[in-house]
């Protein structure tokens, strides 16, 4: 472990801030443009599927490759590939070739790049920072994501309304280039490769190793199961947040955007809390408590009257804080429980199995809103998520999973 890990992360964070922000801007800009151009919920759903499906399909295999390859080079190539896709899309908009089919294809290709970049970044973190500092690192990473969530919609609206989609997409190219430059300035160590990792059948064997890494510890297995189950109930509710604002509270587009912003503000606050030097609590206890808090924000939101929009915004902010601390705590548990040599594939497997409920939730959104009712969906999902948090406290192997932080380099 080098003593310059803070400098290394500062350089990486600077690049990732621009890259994450620019990608978020493009995501919102495409949604805004498709909404204005087509006004079709089906088109928006298909574009979301195009963004998620490649990561869902490739996620089981990209982690194996990430663990084989140089992780810094993997992130650089992924960033440049995403930049290339955005540049091609920008060119199509510039020449007036705005076929929705091309947009679907290029969104899917950008997702391919993300399928490699995300696990490579997650697997690189514990190889750079001391174990005792991983929670602070997770907090800063969460803050970067939250800042992008807050600023992304506003910048995207500026591009779509005042400039053009070409400008928005070239902004993404710039962000990817800056992220690449930051990675070129640092050195990221790689774990030692095991003998026979390149022979025939190694892909299947290494994939099994990734599954075994998640399932061989009873506590980690239960953590994995509970998160997948919770995600199944979280994603449909997250998808109908705009409908909750517009239909139940009779809100405006401004109020719909406000809910997205306060969620981001909550996540930013949660990331800031995790970044505090003295924020060092049992990660499993934190995860369980965040289940309960997030579930209760959904549950109580479902009982609000049509005049209760202010309370909905408050609950959403609290939910954002809980989500940030939950995600950061889980990431640290994974990073401190797994062998760095299998971490890339383990994170990819996890991402794949948490995205499966996301796809199902996306497809069921219309049915949920029309047949179950928006407020009832909030109540039912909130109750289940809260119950998961309570039950988690009574699983001994899960409660013994977390290890005390080792006091080392700061």
Foldseek 3Di string as FASTA:
>chain_A
DDLCLVVLVVLLLVLVLLLLLLVLLLVLLVVVVCCVVPVDPVLVLLLVCLLQVLLLVCLLQLLLVLLVDFLLVLQLVLLQQLLVLLLVCLVCVVVPNPDSVSSSNSSNSNSNSVSNNVLSVLLQVCQRDALLQLLLVLLSVLLSNLVSLQCNNVVSCCCVPPNHSSVSSVSSSVSSVSSSVSSVVDDTDHDDDDPPCPDPPNSVVLSVVLVCLQVVQPQSVLVLVLLLVLLLLPQLLVVCLLVCQCPQLVHDPVLSSLLSNLLSVLSNVLSVLSNDSPPFDFLLLLLLVLLQLLLVLLQVSLVDHSNCSVSNSVSSSPNSNSVNSNVSSVSSLLNVRGDSSSSSSNVSVSVNSSCVSNSVSSVCNVVCCPPVNSSNSSNVSSVVSNVSSVVSVVPVSNSPSTDGRDDDRD
